[in-house]
PDB file of all heavy atoms in Angstrom:
ATOM      1  N   GLY A   1       0.724  -5.604  -0.684  1.00  0.00           N
ATOM      2  CA  GLY A   1      -0.453  -4.871  -0.729  1.00  0.00           C
ATOM      3  C   GLY A   1      -0.348  -3.443  -1.317  1.00  0.00           C
ATOM      4  O   GLY A   1      -1.283  -2.706  -1.508  1.00  0.00           O
ATOM      5  N   ASP A   2       0.926  -3.014  -1.552  1.00  0.00           N
ATOM      6  CA  ASP A   2       1.152  -1.680  -2.134  1.00  0.00           C
ATOM      7  C   ASP A   2       0.898  -1.625  -3.638  1.00  0.00           C
ATOM      8  O   ASP A   2       1.192  -2.601  -4.324  1.00  0.00           O
ATOM      9  CB  ASP A   2       2.661  -1.267  -1.920  1.00  0.00           C
ATOM     10  CG  ASP A   2       2.969  -1.085  -0.418  1.00  0.00           C
ATOM     11  OD1 ASP A   2       1.984  -0.934   0.362  1.00  0.00           O
ATOM     12  OD2 ASP A   2       4.088  -0.959  -0.093  1.00  0.00           O
ATOM     13  N   PHE A   3       0.328  -0.448  -3.999  1.00  0.00           N
ATOM     14  CA  PHE A   3       0.054  -0.201  -5.445  1.00  0.00           C
ATOM     15  C   PHE A   3       0.953   0.934  -5.780  1.00  0.00           C
ATOM     16  O   PHE A   3       0.818   2.067  -5.192  1.00  0.00           O
ATOM     17  CB  PHE A   3      -1.402   0.113  -5.623  1.00  0.00           C
ATOM     18  CG  PHE A   3      -1.740   0.679  -6.960  1.00  0.00           C
ATOM     19  CD1 PHE A   3      -1.591  -0.055  -8.123  1.00  0.00           C
ATOM     20  CD2 PHE A   3      -2.358   1.968  -7.123  1.00  0.00           C
ATOM     21  CE1 PHE A   3      -2.034   0.484  -9.378  1.00  0.00           C
ATOM     22  CE2 PHE A   3      -2.704   2.462  -8.357  1.00  0.00           C
ATOM     23  CZ  PHE A   3      -2.522   1.688  -9.435  1.00  0.00           C
ATOM     24  N   LEU A   4       1.917   0.722  -6.823  1.00  0.00           N
ATOM     25  CA  LEU A   4       2.906   1.714  -7.106  1.00  0.00           C
ATOM     26  C   LEU A   4       2.885   2.100  -8.588  1.00  0.00           C
ATOM     27  O   LEU A   4       2.599   1.310  -9.445  1.00  0.00           O
ATOM     28  CB  LEU A   4       4.266   1.126  -6.841  1.00  0.00           C
ATOM     29  CG  LEU A   4       4.461   0.538  -5.365  1.00  0.00           C
ATOM     30  CD1 LEU A   4       4.424  -1.077  -5.408  1.00  0.00           C
ATOM     31  CD2 LEU A   4       5.695   1.009  -4.674  1.00  0.00           C
ATOM     32  N   LEU A   5       3.011   3.342  -8.786  1.00  0.00           N
ATOM     33  CA  LEU A   5       2.871   3.910 -10.198  1.00  0.00           C
ATOM     34  C   LEU A   5       4.213   4.237 -10.853  1.00  0.00           C
ATOM     35  O   LEU A   5       5.170   4.759 -10.236  1.00  0.00           O
ATOM     36  CB  LEU A   5       2.088   5.315 -10.090  1.00  0.00           C
ATOM     37  CG  LEU A   5       0.645   5.199  -9.596  1.00  0.00           C
ATOM     38  CD1 LEU A   5       0.017   6.558  -9.776  1.00  0.00           C
ATOM     39  CD2 LEU A   5      -0.181   4.155 -10.311  1.00  0.00           C
ATOM     40  N   THR A   6       4.218   3.986 -12.184  1.00  0.00           N
ATOM     41  CA  THR A   6       5.322   4.486 -13.033  1.00  0.00           C
ATOM     42  C   THR A   6       4.630   5.139 -14.244  1.00  0.00           C
ATOM     43  O   THR A   6       4.387   4.434 -15.300  1.00  0.00           O
ATOM     44  CB  THR A   6       6.267   3.365 -13.491  1.00  0.00           C
ATOM     45  OG1 THR A   6       6.706   2.667 -12.325  1.00  0.00           O
ATOM     46  CG2 THR A   6       7.372   3.938 -14.239  1.00  0.00           C
ATOM     47  N   PRO A   7       4.198   6.379 -14.203  1.00  0.00           N
ATOM     48  CA  PRO A   7       3.585   6.995 -15.336  1.00  0.00           C
ATOM     49  C   PRO A   7       4.467   7.002 -16.609  1.00  0.00           C
ATOM     50  O   PRO A   7       5.648   6.919 -16.493  1.00  0.00           O
ATOM     51  CB  PRO A   7       3.198   8.425 -14.845  1.00  0.00           C
ATOM     52  CG  PRO A   7       3.228   8.285 -13.328  1.00  0.00           C
ATOM     53  CD  PRO A   7       4.240   7.306 -13.076  1.00  0.00           C
ATOM     54  N   GLY A   8       3.834   7.174 -17.666  1.00  0.00           N
ATOM     55  CA  GLY A   8       4.572   7.240 -19.006  1.00  0.00           C
ATOM     56  C   GLY A   8       5.634   8.260 -19.002  1.00  0.00           C
ATOM     57  O   GLY A   8       5.443   9.381 -18.575  1.00  0.00           O
ATOM     58  N   TRP A   9       6.756   7.870 -19.543  1.00  0.00           N
ATOM     59  CA  TRP A   9       7.990   8.696 -19.762  1.00  0.00           C
ATOM     60  C   TRP A   9       8.696   9.148 -18.432  1.00  0.00           C
ATOM     61  O   TRP A   9       9.366  10.020 -18.420  1.00  0.00           O
ATOM     62  CB  TRP A   9       7.662   9.910 -20.578  1.00  0.00           C
ATOM     63  CG  TRP A   9       8.787  10.389 -21.508  1.00  0.00           C
ATOM     64  CD1 TRP A   9       9.393  11.577 -21.557  1.00  0.00           C
ATOM     65  CD2 TRP A   9       9.507   9.548 -22.487  1.00  0.00           C
ATOM     66  NE1 TRP A   9      10.434  11.595 -22.512  1.00  0.00           N
ATOM     67  CE2 TRP A   9      10.439  10.319 -23.033  1.00  0.00           C
ATOM     68  CE3 TRP A   9       9.351   8.238 -22.902  1.00  0.00           C
ATOM     69  CZ2 TRP A   9      11.374   9.843 -24.060  1.00  0.00           C
ATOM     70  CZ3 TRP A   9      10.200   7.726 -23.819  1.00  0.00           C
ATOM     71  CH2 TRP A   9      11.163   8.556 -24.432  1.00  0.00           C
ATOM     72  N   TYR A  10       8.419   8.363 -17.390  1.00  0.00           N
ATOM     73  CA  TYR A  10       9.220   8.469 -16.168  1.00  0.00           C
ATOM     74  C   TYR A  10      10.371   7.446 -16.137  1.00  0.00           C
ATOM     75  O   TYR A  10      10.090   6.291 -16.354  1.00  0.00           O
ATOM     76  CB  TYR A  10       8.338   8.232 -14.911  1.00  0.00           C
ATOM     77  CG  TYR A  10       7.459   9.314 -14.488  1.00  0.00           C
ATOM     78  CD1 TYR A  10       6.818  10.232 -15.495  1.00  0.00           C
ATOM     79  CD2 TYR A  10       7.062   9.528 -13.147  1.00  0.00           C
ATOM     80  CE1 TYR A  10       5.990  11.188 -15.056  1.00  0.00           C
ATOM     81  CE2 TYR A  10       6.170  10.598 -12.790  1.00  0.00           C
ATOM     82  CZ  TYR A  10       5.675  11.409 -13.697  1.00  0.00           C
ATOM     83  OH  TYR A  10       4.800  12.359 -13.312  1.00  0.00           O
ATOM     84  N   PHE A  11      11.552   7.915 -15.889  1.00  0.00           N
ATOM     85  CA  PHE A  11      12.637   6.927 -15.768  1.00  0.00           C
ATOM     86  C   PHE A  11      12.401   6.103 -14.472  1.00  0.00           C
ATOM     87  O   PHE A  11      11.920   6.603 -13.440  1.00  0.00           O
ATOM     88  CB  PHE A  11      14.001   7.692 -15.604  1.00  0.00           C
ATOM     89  CG  PHE A  11      14.617   8.107 -16.886  1.00  0.00           C
ATOM     90  CD1 PHE A  11      14.775   9.445 -17.249  1.00  0.00           C
ATOM     91  CD2 PHE A  11      15.075   7.114 -17.767  1.00  0.00           C
ATOM     92  CE1 PHE A  11      15.382   9.786 -18.448  1.00  0.00           C
ATOM     93  CE2 PHE A  11      15.672   7.482 -18.956  1.00  0.00           C
ATOM     94  CZ  PHE A  11      15.805   8.862 -19.318  1.00  0.00           C
ATOM     95  N   HIS A  12      12.701   4.851 -14.597  1.00  0.00           N
ATOM     96  CA  HIS A  12      12.493   3.911 -13.490  1.00  0.00           C
ATOM     97  C   HIS A  12      13.425   2.677 -13.533  1.00  0.00           C
ATOM     98  O   HIS A  12      13.691   2.211 -14.633  1.00  0.00           O
ATOM     99  CB  HIS A  12      10.999   3.480 -13.403  1.00  0.00           C
ATOM    100  CG  HIS A  12      10.540   2.891 -14.669  1.00  0.00           C
ATOM    101  ND1 HIS A  12      10.181   3.533 -15.791  1.00  0.00           N
ATOM    102  CD2 HIS A  12      10.336   1.521 -14.957  1.00  0.00           C
ATOM    103  CE1 HIS A  12       9.796   2.707 -16.696  1.00  0.00           C
ATOM    104  NE2 HIS A  12       9.889   1.476 -16.238  1.00  0.00           N
ATOM    105  N   GLY A  13      13.787   2.245 -12.345  1.00  0.00           N
ATOM    106  CA  GLY A  13      14.575   1.011 -12.224  1.00  0.00           C
ATOM    107  C   GLY A  13      14.271   0.458 -10.837  1.00  0.00           C
ATOM    108  O   GLY A  13      13.599   1.016 -10.058  1.00  0.00           O
ATOM    109  N   HIS A  14      14.782  -0.764 -10.596  1.00  0.00           N
ATOM    110  CA  HIS A  14      14.500  -1.450  -9.354  1.00  0.00           C
ATOM    111  C   HIS A  14      15.776  -2.068  -8.724  1.00  0.00           C
ATOM    112  O   HIS A  14      16.614  -2.465  -9.493  1.00  0.00           O
ATOM    113  CB  HIS A  14      13.463  -2.619  -9.605  1.00  0.00           C
ATOM    114  CG  HIS A  14      12.370  -2.374 -10.561  1.00  0.00           C
ATOM    115  ND1 HIS A  14      11.480  -1.372 -10.474  1.00  0.00           N
ATOM    116  CD2 HIS A  14      12.008  -2.995 -11.719  1.00  0.00           C
ATOM    117  CE1 HIS A  14      10.665  -1.349 -11.456  1.00  0.00           C
ATOM    118  NE2 HIS A  14      10.979  -2.349 -12.206  1.00  0.00           N
ATOM    119  N   HIS A  15      15.802  -2.021  -7.436  1.00  0.00           N
ATOM    120  CA  HIS A  15      16.969  -2.714  -6.787  1.00  0.00           C
ATOM    121  C   HIS A  15      16.527  -3.462  -5.559  1.00  0.00           C
ATOM    122  O   HIS A  15      15.670  -2.993  -4.773  1.00  0.00           O
ATOM    123  CB  HIS A  15      18.080  -1.733  -6.469  1.00  0.00           C
ATOM    124  CG  HIS A  15      17.715  -0.642  -5.485  1.00  0.00           C
ATOM    125  ND1 HIS A  15      18.119  -0.635  -4.197  1.00  0.00           N
ATOM    126  CD2 HIS A  15      16.964   0.465  -5.680  1.00  0.00           C
ATOM    127  CE1 HIS A  15      17.585   0.491  -3.541  1.00  0.00           C
ATOM    128  NE2 HIS A  15      16.993   1.185  -4.405  1.00  0.00           N
ATOM    129  N   ASN A  16      16.967  -4.700  -5.427  1.00  0.00           N
ATOM    130  CA  ASN A  16      16.674  -5.610  -4.295  1.00  0.00           C
ATOM    131  C   ASN A  16      17.798  -5.488  -3.301  1.00  0.00           C
ATOM    132  O   ASN A  16      18.925  -5.817  -3.588  1.00  0.00           O
ATOM    133  CB  ASN A  16      16.479  -6.978  -4.858  1.00  0.00           C
ATOM    134  CG  ASN A  16      15.932  -7.973  -3.749  1.00  0.00           C
ATOM    135  OD1 ASN A  16      15.984  -7.707  -2.630  1.00  0.00           O
ATOM    136  ND2 ASN A  16      15.440  -9.134  -4.250  1.00  0.00           N
ATOM    137  N   GLU A  17      17.405  -5.123  -2.073  1.00  0.00           N
ATOM    138  CA  GLU A  17      18.402  -4.910  -0.990  1.00  0.00           C
ATOM    139  C   GLU A  17      18.534  -6.143  -0.085  1.00  0.00           C
ATOM    140  O   GLU A  17      19.170  -6.073   0.918  1.00  0.00           O
ATOM    141  CB  GLU A  17      18.150  -3.691  -0.185  1.00  0.00           C
ATOM    142  CG  GLU A  17      18.210  -2.372  -1.040  1.00  0.00           C
ATOM    143  CD  GLU A  17      19.707  -2.185  -1.587  1.00  0.00           C
ATOM    144  OE1 GLU A  17      20.643  -2.304  -0.746  1.00  0.00           O
ATOM    145  OE2 GLU A  17      19.818  -1.883  -2.707  1.00  0.00           O
ATOM    146  N   THR A  18      17.910  -7.238  -0.446  1.00  0.00           N
ATOM    147  CA  THR A  18      17.955  -8.414   0.429  1.00  0.00           C
ATOM    148  C   THR A  18      18.578  -9.570  -0.353  1.00  0.00           C
ATOM    149  O   THR A  18      18.879  -9.574  -1.480  1.00  0.00           O
ATOM    150  CB  THR A  18      16.449  -8.769   0.824  1.00  0.00           C
ATOM    151  OG1 THR A  18      15.842  -9.472  -0.330  1.00  0.00           O
ATOM    152  CG2 THR A  18      15.687  -7.563   1.230  1.00  0.00           C
ATOM    153  N   ASP A  19      18.663 -10.721   0.454  1.00  0.00           N
ATOM    154  CA  ASP A  19      19.178 -11.914  -0.133  1.00  0.00           C
ATOM    155  C   ASP A  19      18.084 -12.715  -0.834  1.00  0.00           C
ATOM    156  O   ASP A  19      18.366 -13.663  -1.567  1.00  0.00           O
ATOM    157  CB  ASP A  19      19.744 -12.806   0.958  1.00  0.00           C
ATOM    158  CG  ASP A  19      21.058 -12.180   1.526  1.00  0.00           C
ATOM    159  OD1 ASP A  19      21.780 -11.502   0.893  1.00  0.00           O
ATOM    160  OD2 ASP A  19      21.247 -12.437   2.814  1.00  0.00           O
ATOM    161  N   GLN A  20      16.871 -12.319  -0.598  1.00  0.00           N
ATOM    162  CA  GLN A  20      15.717 -13.052  -1.087  1.00  0.00           C
ATOM    163  C   GLN A  20      15.131 -12.448  -2.371  1.00  0.00           C
ATOM    164  O   GLN A  20      15.104 -11.284  -2.546  1.00  0.00           O
ATOM    165  CB  GLN A  20      14.576 -13.082   0.042  1.00  0.00           C
ATOM    166  CG  GLN A  20      15.050 -13.778   1.358  1.00  0.00           C
ATOM    167  CD  GLN A  20      15.482 -15.212   1.119  1.00  0.00           C
ATOM    168  OE1 GLN A  20      14.863 -15.995   0.422  1.00  0.00           O
ATOM    169  NE2 GLN A  20      16.691 -15.555   1.664  1.00  0.00           N
ATOM    170  N   PRO A  21      14.630 -13.303  -3.309  1.00  0.00           N
ATOM    171  CA  PRO A  21      13.960 -12.823  -4.493  1.00  0.00           C
ATOM    172  C   PRO A  21      12.611 -12.241  -4.140  1.00  0.00           C
ATOM    173  O   PRO A  21      12.080 -12.503  -3.069  1.00  0.00           O
ATOM    174  CB  PRO A  21      13.913 -14.023  -5.370  1.00  0.00           C
ATOM    175  CG  PRO A  21      13.762 -15.133  -4.366  1.00  0.00           C
ATOM    176  CD  PRO A  21      14.718 -14.781  -3.231  1.00  0.00           C
ATOM    177  N   MET A  22      12.067 -11.541  -5.073  1.00  0.00           N
ATOM    178  CA  MET A  22      10.729 -10.919  -4.892  1.00  0.00           C
ATOM    179  C   MET A  22      10.013 -10.965  -6.263  1.00  0.00           C
ATOM    180  O   MET A  22      10.663 -10.611  -7.250  1.00  0.00           O
ATOM    181  CB  MET A  22      10.848  -9.509  -4.320  1.00  0.00           C
ATOM    182  CG  MET A  22       9.452  -8.850  -4.066  1.00  0.00           C
ATOM    183  SD  MET A  22       9.745  -7.313  -3.154  1.00  0.00           S
ATOM    184  CE  MET A  22       8.105  -6.572  -3.324  1.00  0.00           C
ATOM    185  N   ALA A  23       8.779 -11.177  -6.218  1.00  0.00           N
ATOM    186  CA  ALA A  23       7.943 -11.178  -7.438  1.00  0.00           C
ATOM    187  C   ALA A  23       6.719 -10.257  -7.231  1.00  0.00           C
ATOM    188  O   ALA A  23       6.221 -10.122  -6.049  1.00  0.00           O
ATOM    189  CB  ALA A  23       7.562 -12.570  -7.762  1.00  0.00           C
ATOM    190  N   TRP A  24       6.264  -9.600  -8.286  1.00  0.00           N
ATOM    191  CA  TRP A  24       5.066  -8.748  -8.218  1.00  0.00           C
ATOM    192  C   TRP A  24       4.447  -8.763  -9.598  1.00  0.00           C
ATOM    193  O   TRP A  24       4.916  -9.414 -10.557  1.00  0.00           O
ATOM    194  CB  TRP A  24       5.531  -7.327  -7.782  1.00  0.00           C
ATOM    195  CG  TRP A  24       6.451  -6.654  -8.702  1.00  0.00           C
ATOM    196  CD1 TRP A  24       6.112  -5.946  -9.915  1.00  0.00           C
ATOM    197  CD2 TRP A  24       7.860  -6.623  -8.608  1.00  0.00           C
ATOM    198  NE1 TRP A  24       7.245  -5.482 -10.445  1.00  0.00           N
ATOM    199  CE2 TRP A  24       8.290  -5.898  -9.648  1.00  0.00           C
ATOM    200  CE3 TRP A  24       8.720  -7.133  -7.628  1.00  0.00           C
ATOM    201  CZ2 TRP A  24       9.747  -5.593  -9.855  1.00  0.00           C
ATOM    202  CZ3 TRP A  24      10.137  -6.866  -7.864  1.00  0.00           C
ATOM    203  CH2 TRP A  24      10.522  -6.123  -8.923  1.00  0.00           C
ATOM    204  N   ILE A  25       3.296  -8.186  -9.796  1.00  0.00           N
ATOM    205  CA  ILE A  25       2.682  -8.029 -11.032  1.00  0.00           C
ATOM    206  C   ILE A  25       2.904  -6.621 -11.628  1.00  0.00           C
ATOM    207  O   ILE A  25       2.847  -5.595 -10.855  1.00  0.00           O
ATOM    208  CB  ILE A  25       1.215  -8.445 -11.100  1.00  0.00           C
ATOM    209  CG1 ILE A  25       0.295  -7.466 -10.320  1.00  0.00           C
ATOM    210  CG2 ILE A  25       0.998  -9.842 -10.627  1.00  0.00           C
ATOM    211  CD1 ILE A  25      -1.153  -7.587 -10.616  1.00  0.00           C
ATOM    212  N   ASP A  26       3.165  -6.594 -12.925  1.00  0.00           N
ATOM    213  CA  ASP A  26       3.163  -5.333 -13.650  1.00  0.00           C
ATOM    214  C   ASP A  26       1.916  -5.188 -14.434  1.00  0.00           C
ATOM    215  O   ASP A  26       1.376  -6.168 -15.036  1.00  0.00           O
ATOM    216  CB  ASP A  26       4.365  -5.241 -14.643  1.00  0.00           C
ATOM    217  CG  ASP A  26       5.649  -5.214 -13.937  1.00  0.00           C
ATOM    218  OD1 ASP A  26       5.714  -4.815 -12.764  1.00  0.00           O
ATOM    219  OD2 ASP A  26       6.665  -5.574 -14.508  1.00  0.00           O
ATOM    220  N   GLY A  27       1.362  -3.946 -14.583  1.00  0.00           N
ATOM    221  CA  GLY A  27       0.243  -3.736 -15.488  1.00  0.00           C
ATOM    222  C   GLY A  27       0.604  -2.490 -16.375  1.00  0.00           C
ATOM    223  O   GLY A  27       1.129  -1.466 -15.869  1.00  0.00           O
ATOM    224  N   LEU A  28       0.369  -2.605 -17.678  1.00  0.00           N
ATOM    225  CA  LEU A  28       0.741  -1.508 -18.584  1.00  0.00           C
ATOM    226  C   LEU A  28      -0.331  -1.391 -19.741  1.00  0.00           C
ATOM    227  O   LEU A  28      -1.106  -2.332 -19.845  1.00  0.00           O
ATOM    228  CB  LEU A  28       2.077  -1.678 -19.313  1.00  0.00           C
ATOM    229  CG  LEU A  28       3.397  -1.591 -18.363  1.00  0.00           C
ATOM    230  CD1 LEU A  28       3.725  -2.982 -17.872  1.00  0.00           C
ATOM    231  CD2 LEU A  28       4.496  -0.981 -19.164  1.00  0.00           C
TER     232      LEU A  28
END
């Protein structure tokens, strides 16, 4: 349910801290 922002020209990466995969949607 969370809505998360990555505005233009912001450095960003992701890390999964669990054994389980995760999927979400990206919008650009």
